[in-house]
Amino acid sequence: MSTQTVVVLVVAVAIVVACALLLKARKSQRLRSRFGPEYGRAVQQTGSRTQAEAKLEGLEKRVERYHLRPLSPEARVNFIEEWRKVQARFVDDPRAALTEADRLIEEIMAARGYPIAEFEVRAADISVDHPGAVEHYRAGHEIAVRHAQGRASTEDMRLAMIHYRTLFDDLAEPETVRSKALSV
């Protein structure tokens, strides 16, 4: 093999490697941008950026198969009114209000087309289109679990309601996050 052929091959390999690294970096950036803090959580859980990215891509594909939809204007008004009642109930009965808030979050998710499964699956599904709110969902749910065990103070329950409100507001938006992302 001539020196010129070797140089061409080395340059070609370098270009292929550079392109592969650039594509991988872009994929990582896209996933970090889409999932926000959930990206770091996935890396921490799996112990590997490659495994975390594969998990998040699989999650995107799973959620794309759902028939997610915005709420009808009537359903949106009804959910907002129900949320107001739950918040008002908190003053007199914080324990019941927190239980109702948890139920209402599940109902609005179902109305939007999310399948109702165990909590971790629901949280993962929500992270695809509501990455900023999923941390609040996790924090609120953790307090709700402690509440069910009798280990949450009224202040804890108030914080859970605030966390749940963040997710509720995202889910009750008239325009879906996915449609916003597609229009950018």
N, C-alpha and C. Protein backbone atom coordinates (compact mmCIF):
# COMPACT_ATOMS: atom_id res chain seq x y z
N MET A 1 0.85 -1.17 0.00
CA MET A 1 0.00 0.00 0.00
C MET A 1 0.89 1.23 0.00
N SER A 2 0.53 2.21 -0.83
CA SER A 2 1.34 3.42 -0.92
C SER A 2 1.06 4.34 0.26
N THR A 3 1.96 5.24 0.47
CA THR A 3 1.82 6.22 1.55
C THR A 3 0.58 7.06 1.33
N GLN A 4 0.32 7.41 0.11
CA GLN A 4 -0.85 8.22 -0.21
C GLN A 4 -2.15 7.47 0.14
N THR A 5 -2.22 6.20 -0.16
CA THR A 5 -3.39 5.38 0.17
C THR A 5 -3.59 5.31 1.68
N VAL A 6 -2.50 5.11 2.42
CA VAL A 6 -2.57 5.04 3.88
C VAL A 6 -3.07 6.36 4.44
N VAL A 7 -2.58 7.47 3.92
CA VAL A 7 -3.02 8.79 4.39
C VAL A 7 -4.51 8.99 4.11
N VAL A 8 -4.95 8.61 2.93
CA VAL A 8 -6.37 8.74 2.58
C VAL A 8 -7.22 7.88 3.51
N LEU A 9 -6.79 6.66 3.78
CA LEU A 9 -7.53 5.78 4.69
C LEU A 9 -7.58 6.35 6.11
N VAL A 10 -6.48 6.88 6.59
CA VAL A 10 -6.43 7.46 7.94
C VAL A 10 -7.36 8.66 8.01
N VAL A 11 -7.32 9.50 6.99
CA VAL A 11 -8.20 10.68 6.97
C VAL A 11 -9.66 10.23 6.91
N ALA A 12 -9.96 9.24 6.09
CA ALA A 12 -11.33 8.74 5.98
C ALA A 12 -11.82 8.18 7.32
N VAL A 13 -10.99 7.40 7.99
CA VAL A 13 -11.35 6.85 9.30
C VAL A 13 -11.55 7.97 10.30
N ALA A 14 -10.67 8.97 10.27
CA ALA A 14 -10.80 10.10 11.19
C ALA A 14 -12.11 10.85 10.96
N ILE A 15 -12.48 11.01 9.70
CA ILE A 15 -13.74 11.69 9.38
C ILE A 15 -14.93 10.88 9.88
N VAL A 16 -14.91 9.57 9.66
CA VAL A 16 -16.00 8.70 10.12
C VAL A 16 -16.11 8.76 11.65
N VAL A 17 -14.98 8.68 12.33
CA VAL A 17 -14.98 8.73 13.80
C VAL A 17 -15.50 10.08 14.28
N ALA A 18 -15.04 11.16 13.65
CA ALA A 18 -15.49 12.51 14.04
C ALA A 18 -17.00 12.65 13.83
N CYS A 19 -17.50 12.15 12.71
CA CYS A 19 -18.95 12.20 12.45
C CYS A 19 -19.72 11.39 13.48
N ALA A 20 -19.23 10.22 13.81
CA ALA A 20 -19.90 9.37 14.81
C ALA A 20 -19.92 10.06 16.17
N LEU A 21 -18.82 10.67 16.55
CA LEU A 21 -18.76 11.38 17.83
C LEU A 21 -19.69 12.59 17.83
N LEU A 22 -19.75 13.29 16.71
CA LEU A 22 -20.63 14.45 16.60
C LEU A 22 -22.10 14.03 16.71
N LEU A 23 -22.47 12.95 16.03
CA LEU A 23 -23.85 12.45 16.10
C LEU A 23 -24.20 12.01 17.52
N LYS A 24 -23.27 11.34 18.18
CA LYS A 24 -23.50 10.89 19.55
C LYS A 24 -23.66 12.10 20.49
N ALA A 25 -22.83 13.12 20.29
CA ALA A 25 -22.93 14.33 21.12
C ALA A 25 -24.26 15.05 20.89
N ARG A 26 -24.69 15.11 19.64
CA ARG A 26 -25.98 15.75 19.33
C ARG A 26 -27.14 14.97 19.95
N LYS A 27 -27.06 13.64 19.88
CA LYS A 27 -28.11 12.81 20.48
C LYS A 27 -28.15 13.05 21.99
N SER A 28 -26.98 13.07 22.61
CA SER A 28 -26.92 13.31 24.06
C SER A 28 -27.50 14.67 24.40
N GLN A 29 -27.14 15.68 23.63
CA GLN A 29 -27.65 17.03 23.89
C GLN A 29 -29.17 17.09 23.71
N ARG A 30 -29.67 16.44 22.68
CA ARG A 30 -31.12 16.43 22.44
C ARG A 30 -31.86 15.78 23.62
N LEU A 31 -31.32 14.65 24.08
CA LEU A 31 -31.96 13.96 25.20
C LEU A 31 -31.84 14.77 26.49
N ARG A 32 -30.68 15.38 26.74
CA ARG A 32 -30.52 16.23 27.93
C ARG A 32 -31.51 17.39 27.89
N SER A 33 -31.66 17.97 26.70
CA SER A 33 -32.57 19.09 26.55
C SER A 33 -34.03 18.65 26.73
N ARG A 34 -34.39 17.53 26.17
CA ARG A 34 -35.78 17.06 26.24
C ARG A 34 -36.16 16.61 27.64
N PHE A 35 -35.26 15.89 28.30
CA PHE A 35 -35.61 15.28 29.59
C PHE A 35 -35.16 16.09 30.80
N GLY A 36 -34.33 17.08 30.61
CA GLY A 36 -33.89 17.90 31.73
C GLY A 36 -33.29 17.06 32.84
N PRO A 37 -33.73 17.28 34.08
CA PRO A 37 -33.17 16.55 35.22
C PRO A 37 -33.37 15.03 35.15
N GLU A 38 -34.37 14.59 34.40
CA GLU A 38 -34.59 13.15 34.26
C GLU A 38 -33.43 12.48 33.53
N TYR A 39 -32.72 13.23 32.69
CA TYR A 39 -31.55 12.68 32.00
C TYR A 39 -30.50 12.27 33.04
N GLY A 40 -30.19 13.20 33.95
CA GLY A 40 -29.23 12.91 35.01
C GLY A 40 -29.69 11.77 35.90
N ARG A 41 -30.97 11.74 36.18
CA ARG A 41 -31.54 10.66 37.01
C ARG A 41 -31.34 9.31 36.31
N ALA A 42 -31.58 9.26 35.01
CA ALA A 42 -31.42 8.02 34.26
C ALA A 42 -29.95 7.58 34.24
N VAL A 43 -29.05 8.53 34.08
CA VAL A 43 -27.61 8.20 34.10
C VAL A 43 -27.23 7.65 35.46
N GLN A 44 -27.72 8.29 36.50
CA GLN A 44 -27.41 7.83 37.87
C GLN A 44 -27.99 6.43 38.11
N GLN A 45 -29.20 6.19 37.68
CA GLN A 45 -29.85 4.89 37.90
C GLN A 45 -29.15 3.77 37.14
N THR A 46 -28.77 4.03 35.89
CA THR A 46 -28.18 2.98 35.07
C THR A 46 -26.67 2.87 35.27
N GLY A 47 -26.05 3.97 35.70
CA GLY A 47 -24.60 3.96 35.87
C GLY A 47 -23.85 4.16 34.57
N SER A 48 -24.56 4.45 33.50
CA SER A 48 -23.94 4.58 32.19
C SER A 48 -24.73 5.55 31.33
N ARG A 49 -24.03 6.48 30.72
CA ARG A 49 -24.70 7.42 29.83
C ARG A 49 -25.32 6.69 28.64
N THR A 50 -24.60 5.72 28.10
CA THR A 50 -25.10 4.97 26.95
C THR A 50 -26.38 4.22 27.31
N GLN A 51 -26.38 3.55 28.46
CA GLN A 51 -27.58 2.82 28.88
C GLN A 51 -28.73 3.77 29.19
N ALA A 52 -28.41 4.90 29.81
CA ALA A 52 -29.44 5.88 30.14
C ALA A 52 -30.07 6.43 28.87
N GLU A 53 -29.25 6.72 27.89
CA GLU A 53 -29.77 7.26 26.63
C GLU A 53 -30.63 6.23 25.90
N ALA A 54 -30.21 4.99 25.94
CA ALA A 54 -31.02 3.93 25.32
C ALA A 54 -32.36 3.82 26.04
N LYS A 55 -32.34 3.90 27.36
CA LYS A 55 -33.57 3.84 28.16
C LYS A 55 -34.48 5.01 27.81
N LEU A 56 -33.94 6.21 27.72
CA LEU A 56 -34.75 7.39 27.42
C LEU A 56 -35.30 7.35 26.00
N GLU A 57 -34.51 6.86 25.05
CA GLU A 57 -35.01 6.72 23.68
C GLU A 57 -36.14 5.70 23.63
N GLY A 58 -35.99 4.62 24.37
CA GLY A 58 -37.07 3.63 24.44
C GLY A 58 -38.32 4.22 25.06
N LEU A 59 -38.14 5.05 26.06
CA LEU A 59 -39.26 5.71 26.71
C LEU A 59 -39.97 6.65 25.72
N GLU A 60 -39.20 7.40 24.95
CA GLU A 60 -39.79 8.27 23.93
C GLU A 60 -40.64 7.46 22.96
N LYS A 61 -40.10 6.34 22.51
CA LYS A 61 -40.82 5.50 21.55
C LYS A 61 -42.10 4.94 22.17
N ARG A 62 -42.03 4.53 23.43
CA ARG A 62 -43.22 4.00 24.10
C ARG A 62 -44.31 5.07 24.20
N VAL A 63 -43.93 6.26 24.62
CA VAL A 63 -44.91 7.33 24.80
C VAL A 63 -45.47 7.80 23.45
N GLU A 64 -44.66 7.74 22.40
CA GLU A 64 -45.16 8.11 21.06
C GLU A 64 -46.29 7.18 20.61
N ARG A 65 -46.33 5.96 21.12
CA ARG A 65 -47.39 5.01 20.75
C ARG A 65 -48.70 5.31 21.47
N TYR A 66 -48.64 6.09 22.54
CA TYR A 66 -49.86 6.45 23.25
C TYR A 66 -50.65 7.44 22.39
N HIS A 67 -51.93 7.47 22.60
CA HIS A 67 -52.78 8.41 21.90
C HIS A 67 -53.02 9.61 22.82
N LEU A 68 -51.95 10.38 23.04
CA LEU A 68 -52.04 11.53 23.94
C LEU A 68 -52.82 12.64 23.24
N ARG A 69 -53.58 13.35 24.03
CA ARG A 69 -54.41 14.40 23.47
C ARG A 69 -54.57 15.52 24.50
N PRO A 70 -54.80 16.71 24.01
CA PRO A 70 -55.11 17.79 24.96
C PRO A 70 -56.50 17.57 25.52
N LEU A 71 -56.78 18.20 26.61
CA LEU A 71 -58.12 18.12 27.19
C LEU A 71 -59.08 18.94 26.34
N SER A 72 -60.30 18.48 26.27
CA SER A 72 -61.33 19.31 25.63
C SER A 72 -61.51 20.54 26.52
N PRO A 73 -62.01 21.63 25.96
CA PRO A 73 -62.23 22.82 26.80
C PRO A 73 -63.14 22.53 27.99
N GLU A 74 -64.15 21.69 27.78
CA GLU A 74 -65.07 21.37 28.88
C GLU A 74 -64.37 20.55 29.96
N ALA A 75 -63.60 19.57 29.53
CA ALA A 75 -62.88 18.74 30.50
C ALA A 75 -61.86 19.58 31.27
N ARG A 76 -61.20 20.48 30.56
CA ARG A 76 -60.21 21.36 31.20
C ARG A 76 -60.88 22.18 32.30
N VAL A 77 -62.02 22.79 31.99
CA VAL A 77 -62.75 23.60 32.97
C VAL A 77 -63.15 22.73 34.15
N ASN A 78 -63.65 21.53 33.89
CA ASN A 78 -64.07 20.62 34.96
C ASN A 78 -62.90 20.23 35.86
N PHE A 79 -61.75 19.91 35.25
CA PHE A 79 -60.58 19.54 36.05
C PHE A 79 -60.11 20.73 36.89
N ILE A 80 -60.08 21.89 36.31
CA ILE A 80 -59.64 23.08 37.06
C ILE A 80 -60.57 23.35 38.23
N GLU A 81 -61.85 23.20 38.01
CA GLU A 81 -62.83 23.40 39.10
C GLU A 81 -62.63 22.34 40.19
N GLU A 82 -62.41 21.11 39.77
CA GLU A 82 -62.17 20.04 40.74
C GLU A 82 -60.90 20.32 41.54
N TRP A 83 -59.86 20.82 40.88
CA TRP A 83 -58.62 21.15 41.59
C TRP A 83 -58.86 22.26 42.61
N ARG A 84 -59.64 23.25 42.24
CA ARG A 84 -59.96 24.34 43.19
C ARG A 84 -60.66 23.78 44.43
N LYS A 85 -61.57 22.84 44.22
CA LYS A 85 -62.27 22.23 45.36
C LYS A 85 -61.30 21.47 46.25
N VAL A 86 -60.37 20.75 45.63
CA VAL A 86 -59.38 20.00 46.40
C VAL A 86 -58.52 20.96 47.22
N GLN A 87 -58.08 22.03 46.59
CA GLN A 87 -57.27 23.01 47.32
C GLN A 87 -58.05 23.63 48.48
N ALA A 88 -59.30 23.96 48.25
CA ALA A 88 -60.12 24.55 49.31
C ALA A 88 -60.32 23.56 50.45
N ARG A 89 -60.45 22.29 50.13
CA ARG A 89 -60.62 21.24 51.14
C ARG A 89 -59.39 21.12 52.04
N PHE A 90 -58.23 21.52 51.52
CA PHE A 90 -56.98 21.38 52.27
C PHE A 90 -57.04 22.11 53.62
N VAL A 91 -57.70 23.25 53.65
CA VAL A 91 -57.78 24.04 54.89
C VAL A 91 -58.41 23.24 56.02
N ASP A 92 -59.49 22.56 55.72
CA ASP A 92 -60.22 21.82 56.74
C ASP A 92 -59.74 20.38 56.93
N ASP A 93 -59.25 19.77 55.86
CA ASP A 93 -58.87 18.36 55.92
C ASP A 93 -57.69 18.09 54.98
N PRO A 94 -56.49 18.47 55.40
CA PRO A 94 -55.32 18.32 54.51
C PRO A 94 -55.08 16.88 54.08
N ARG A 95 -55.33 15.94 54.96
CA ARG A 95 -55.09 14.54 54.61
C ARG A 95 -56.00 14.09 53.47
N ALA A 96 -57.27 14.39 53.56
CA ALA A 96 -58.21 14.01 52.50
C ALA A 96 -57.90 14.78 51.22
N ALA A 97 -57.52 16.03 51.35
CA ALA A 97 -57.21 16.84 50.16
C ALA A 97 -56.01 16.27 49.41
N LEU A 98 -55.00 15.83 50.14
CA LEU A 98 -53.82 15.25 49.47
C LEU A 98 -54.18 13.95 48.76
N THR A 99 -54.99 13.15 49.40
CA THR A 99 -55.45 11.91 48.76
C THR A 99 -56.24 12.23 47.49
N GLU A 100 -57.10 13.23 47.56
CA GLU A 100 -57.89 13.63 46.40
C GLU A 100 -57.00 14.22 45.30
N ALA A 101 -55.99 14.98 45.68
CA ALA A 101 -55.07 15.56 44.68
C ALA A 101 -54.34 14.45 43.93
N ASP A 102 -53.91 13.44 44.65
CA ASP A 102 -53.22 12.30 44.02
C ASP A 102 -54.17 11.60 43.03
N ARG A 103 -55.41 11.41 43.43
CA ARG A 103 -56.40 10.79 42.56
C ARG A 103 -56.67 11.67 41.33
N LEU A 104 -56.77 12.98 41.55
CA LEU A 104 -57.06 13.89 40.45
C LEU A 104 -55.92 13.91 39.42
N ILE A 105 -54.69 13.81 39.89
CA ILE A 105 -53.55 13.75 38.97
C ILE A 105 -53.69 12.50 38.09
N GLU A 106 -54.03 11.38 38.68
CA GLU A 106 -54.22 10.15 37.88
C GLU A 106 -55.37 10.32 36.88
N GLU A 107 -56.45 10.97 37.31
CA GLU A 107 -57.59 11.17 36.41
C GLU A 107 -57.24 12.06 35.22
N ILE A 108 -56.53 13.14 35.47
CA ILE A 108 -56.19 14.04 34.37
C ILE A 108 -55.19 13.38 33.42
N MET A 109 -54.29 12.56 33.98
CA MET A 109 -53.37 11.81 33.12
C MET A 109 -54.16 10.86 32.22
N ALA A 110 -55.11 10.16 32.80
CA ALA A 110 -55.91 9.22 32.01
C ALA A 110 -56.71 9.97 30.94
N ALA A 111 -57.26 11.12 31.29
CA ALA A 111 -58.02 11.91 30.33
C ALA A 111 -57.14 12.38 29.17
N ARG A 112 -55.86 12.58 29.44
CA ARG A 112 -54.93 13.01 28.40
C ARG A 112 -54.43 11.83 27.56
N GLY A 113 -54.69 10.61 28.02
CA GLY A 113 -54.31 9.43 27.24
C GLY A 113 -53.16 8.64 27.80
N TYR A 114 -52.67 9.00 28.98
CA TYR A 114 -51.60 8.22 29.61
C TYR A 114 -52.21 6.99 30.26
N PRO A 115 -51.61 5.82 30.03
CA PRO A 115 -52.12 4.64 30.72
C PRO A 115 -51.79 4.76 32.21
N ILE A 116 -52.69 4.29 33.02
CA ILE A 116 -52.47 4.35 34.47
C ILE A 116 -51.82 3.05 34.90
N ALA A 117 -50.59 3.17 35.31
CA ALA A 117 -49.79 2.03 35.73
C ALA A 117 -49.20 2.37 37.10
N GLU A 118 -48.19 1.61 37.50
CA GLU A 118 -47.54 1.92 38.78
C GLU A 118 -46.87 3.28 38.68
N PHE A 119 -46.57 3.86 39.83
CA PHE A 119 -46.10 5.24 39.88
C PHE A 119 -44.86 5.47 39.02
N GLU A 120 -43.85 4.63 39.13
CA GLU A 120 -42.60 4.87 38.39
C GLU A 120 -42.83 4.89 36.88
N VAL A 121 -43.73 4.07 36.40
CA VAL A 121 -44.06 4.07 34.97
C VAL A 121 -44.77 5.37 34.60
N ARG A 122 -45.72 5.80 35.44
CA ARG A 122 -46.42 7.06 35.19
C ARG A 122 -45.44 8.22 35.17
N ALA A 123 -44.54 8.25 36.15
CA ALA A 123 -43.56 9.35 36.21
C ALA A 123 -42.64 9.34 34.99
N ALA A 124 -42.21 8.16 34.58
CA ALA A 124 -41.35 8.07 33.39
C ALA A 124 -42.11 8.56 32.16
N ASP A 125 -43.36 8.16 32.02
CA ASP A 125 -44.16 8.59 30.87
C ASP A 125 -44.31 10.11 30.86
N ILE A 126 -44.60 10.69 32.00
CA ILE A 126 -44.79 12.13 32.10
C ILE A 126 -43.49 12.87 31.76
N SER A 127 -42.36 12.27 32.08
CA SER A 127 -41.07 12.95 31.86
C SER A 127 -40.81 13.26 30.39
N VAL A 128 -41.43 12.52 29.49
CA VAL A 128 -41.18 12.74 28.06
C VAL A 128 -41.70 14.10 27.62
N ASP A 129 -42.91 14.45 28.00
CA ASP A 129 -43.50 15.71 27.56
C ASP A 129 -43.60 16.77 28.65
N HIS A 130 -43.33 16.40 29.88
CA HIS A 130 -43.41 17.34 31.00
C HIS A 130 -42.16 17.20 31.89
N PRO A 131 -40.96 17.40 31.29
CA PRO A 131 -39.73 17.15 32.06
C PRO A 131 -39.55 18.09 33.25
N GLY A 132 -40.07 19.29 33.17
CA GLY A 132 -39.94 20.21 34.29
C GLY A 132 -40.85 19.88 35.45
N ALA A 133 -41.93 19.20 35.18
CA ALA A 133 -42.92 18.92 36.22
C ALA A 133 -42.73 17.55 36.87
N VAL A 134 -41.99 16.66 36.23
CA VAL A 134 -41.90 15.30 36.76
C VAL A 134 -41.19 15.27 38.12
N GLU A 135 -40.23 16.15 38.33
CA GLU A 135 -39.58 16.20 39.65
C GLU A 135 -40.60 16.56 40.73
N HIS A 136 -41.50 17.47 40.39
CA HIS A 136 -42.54 17.85 41.34
C HIS A 136 -43.47 16.67 41.60
N TYR A 137 -43.76 15.93 40.54
CA TYR A 137 -44.62 14.75 40.70
C TYR A 137 -43.96 13.75 41.64
N ARG A 138 -42.68 13.51 41.43
CA ARG A 138 -41.96 12.57 42.30
C ARG A 138 -41.95 13.05 43.75
N ALA A 139 -41.67 14.34 43.94
CA ALA A 139 -41.60 14.89 45.30
C ALA A 139 -42.97 14.83 45.98
N GLY A 140 -44.01 15.21 45.24
CA GLY A 140 -45.36 15.15 45.80
C GLY A 140 -45.77 13.73 46.14
N HIS A 141 -45.46 12.80 45.25
CA HIS A 141 -45.81 11.40 45.49
C HIS A 141 -45.07 10.83 46.69
N GLU A 142 -43.82 11.19 46.83
CA GLU A 142 -43.04 10.70 47.98
C GLU A 142 -43.70 11.15 49.29
N ILE A 143 -44.15 12.37 49.32
CA ILE A 143 -44.84 12.88 50.52
C ILE A 143 -46.18 12.16 50.69
N ALA A 144 -46.89 11.92 49.59
CA ALA A 144 -48.18 11.21 49.67
C ALA A 144 -47.98 9.80 50.22
N VAL A 145 -46.89 9.15 49.85
CA VAL A 145 -46.59 7.82 50.39
C VAL A 145 -46.34 7.91 51.89
N ARG A 146 -45.55 8.91 52.31
CA ARG A 146 -45.31 9.09 53.75
C ARG A 146 -46.62 9.41 54.47
N HIS A 147 -47.48 10.20 53.82
CA HIS A 147 -48.80 10.52 54.39
C HIS A 147 -49.61 9.25 54.61
N ALA A 148 -49.61 8.35 53.64
CA ALA A 148 -50.35 7.10 53.76
C ALA A 148 -49.83 6.24 54.90
N GLN A 149 -48.55 6.43 55.24
CA GLN A 149 -47.94 5.69 56.35
C GLN A 149 -48.07 6.44 57.67
N GLY A 150 -48.72 7.62 57.61
CA GLY A 150 -48.89 8.42 58.82
C GLY A 150 -47.64 9.17 59.23
N ARG A 151 -46.74 9.41 58.30
CA ARG A 151 -45.46 10.04 58.64
C ARG A 151 -45.26 11.41 57.97
N ALA A 152 -46.34 12.07 57.55
CA ALA A 152 -46.22 13.38 56.91
C ALA A 152 -46.92 14.43 57.76
N SER A 153 -46.22 15.53 57.98
CA SER A 153 -46.80 16.64 58.73
C SER A 153 -47.72 17.44 57.80
N THR A 154 -48.47 18.35 58.40
CA THR A 154 -49.33 19.22 57.60
C THR A 154 -48.48 20.05 56.65
N GLU A 155 -47.33 20.51 57.09
CA GLU A 155 -46.43 21.27 56.21
C GLU A 155 -45.95 20.41 55.06
N ASP A 156 -45.62 19.16 55.33
CA ASP A 156 -45.23 18.24 54.25
C ASP A 156 -46.36 18.12 53.23
N MET A 157 -47.58 17.96 53.72
CA MET A 157 -48.73 17.81 52.82
C MET A 157 -48.96 19.09 52.01
N ARG A 158 -48.71 20.23 52.63
CA ARG A 158 -48.83 21.50 51.90
C ARG A 158 -47.82 21.53 50.76
N LEU A 159 -46.60 21.10 51.02
CA LEU A 159 -45.57 21.05 49.98
C LEU A 159 -45.97 20.07 48.87
N ALA A 160 -46.54 18.94 49.26
CA ALA A 160 -46.99 17.96 48.26
C ALA A 160 -48.04 18.58 47.35
N MET A 161 -48.96 19.34 47.93
CA MET A 161 -49.99 20.00 47.13
C MET A 161 -49.36 20.99 46.15
N ILE A 162 -48.35 21.70 46.58
CA ILE A 162 -47.65 22.64 45.69
C ILE A 162 -46.98 21.88 44.55
N HIS A 163 -46.33 20.77 44.89
CA HIS A 163 -45.69 19.95 43.85
C HIS A 163 -46.73 19.42 42.87
N TYR A 164 -47.81 18.89 43.39
CA TYR A 164 -48.86 18.35 42.52
C TYR A 164 -49.46 19.45 41.64
N ARG A 165 -49.57 20.65 42.20
CA ARG A 165 -50.14 21.76 41.43
C ARG A 165 -49.30 22.05 40.19
N THR A 166 -47.99 21.95 40.30
CA THR A 166 -47.11 22.19 39.16
C THR A 166 -47.41 21.21 38.04
N LEU A 167 -47.53 19.92 38.37
CA LEU A 167 -47.85 18.93 37.35
C LEU A 167 -49.26 19.14 36.83
N PHE A 168 -50.20 19.39 37.72
CA PHE A 168 -51.57 19.61 37.30
C PHE A 168 -51.65 20.75 36.28
N ASP A 169 -50.97 21.86 36.57
CA ASP A 169 -50.99 23.00 35.65
C ASP A 169 -50.44 22.61 34.28
N ASP A 170 -49.37 21.84 34.25
CA ASP A 170 -48.80 21.38 32.97
C ASP A 170 -49.80 20.50 32.22
N LEU A 171 -50.42 19.57 32.93
CA LEU A 171 -51.35 18.64 32.29
C LEU A 171 -52.64 19.34 31.84
N ALA A 172 -53.01 20.41 32.51
CA ALA A 172 -54.25 21.12 32.18
C ALA A 172 -54.05 22.19 31.11
N GLU A 173 -52.83 22.37 30.65
CA GLU A 173 -52.58 23.37 29.60
C GLU A 173 -53.45 23.08 28.39
N PRO A 174 -53.96 24.13 27.75
CA PRO A 174 -54.77 23.88 26.56
C PRO A 174 -53.95 23.35 25.39
N GLU A 175 -52.68 23.66 25.34
CA GLU A 175 -51.82 23.18 24.26
C GLU A 175 -50.82 22.21 24.87
N THR A 176 -50.60 21.07 24.22
CA THR A 176 -49.69 20.08 24.77
C THR A 176 -48.25 20.50 24.60
N VAL A 177 -47.39 20.01 25.48
CA VAL A 177 -45.96 20.28 25.40
C VAL A 177 -45.41 19.73 24.09
N ARG A 178 -45.85 18.54 23.70
CA ARG A 178 -45.34 17.93 22.47
C ARG A 178 -45.63 18.82 21.27
N SER A 179 -46.84 19.38 21.20
CA SER A 179 -47.16 20.23 20.05
C SER A 179 -46.35 21.51 20.08
N LYS A 180 -46.02 22.02 21.28
CA LYS A 180 -45.15 23.19 21.36
C LYS A 180 -43.77 22.85 20.84
N ALA A 181 -43.25 21.69 21.25
CA ALA A 181 -41.92 21.30 20.84
C ALA A 181 -41.85 21.10 19.33
N LEU A 182 -42.90 20.57 18.74
CA LEU A 182 -42.91 20.34 17.31
C LEU A 182 -43.02 21.64 16.52
N SER A 183 -43.60 22.68 17.12
CA SER A 183 -43.76 23.93 16.40
C SER A 183 -42.53 24.81 16.46
N VAL A 184 -41.56 24.45 17.29
CA VAL A 184 -40.36 25.27 17.42
C VAL A 184 -39.40 25.01 16.30
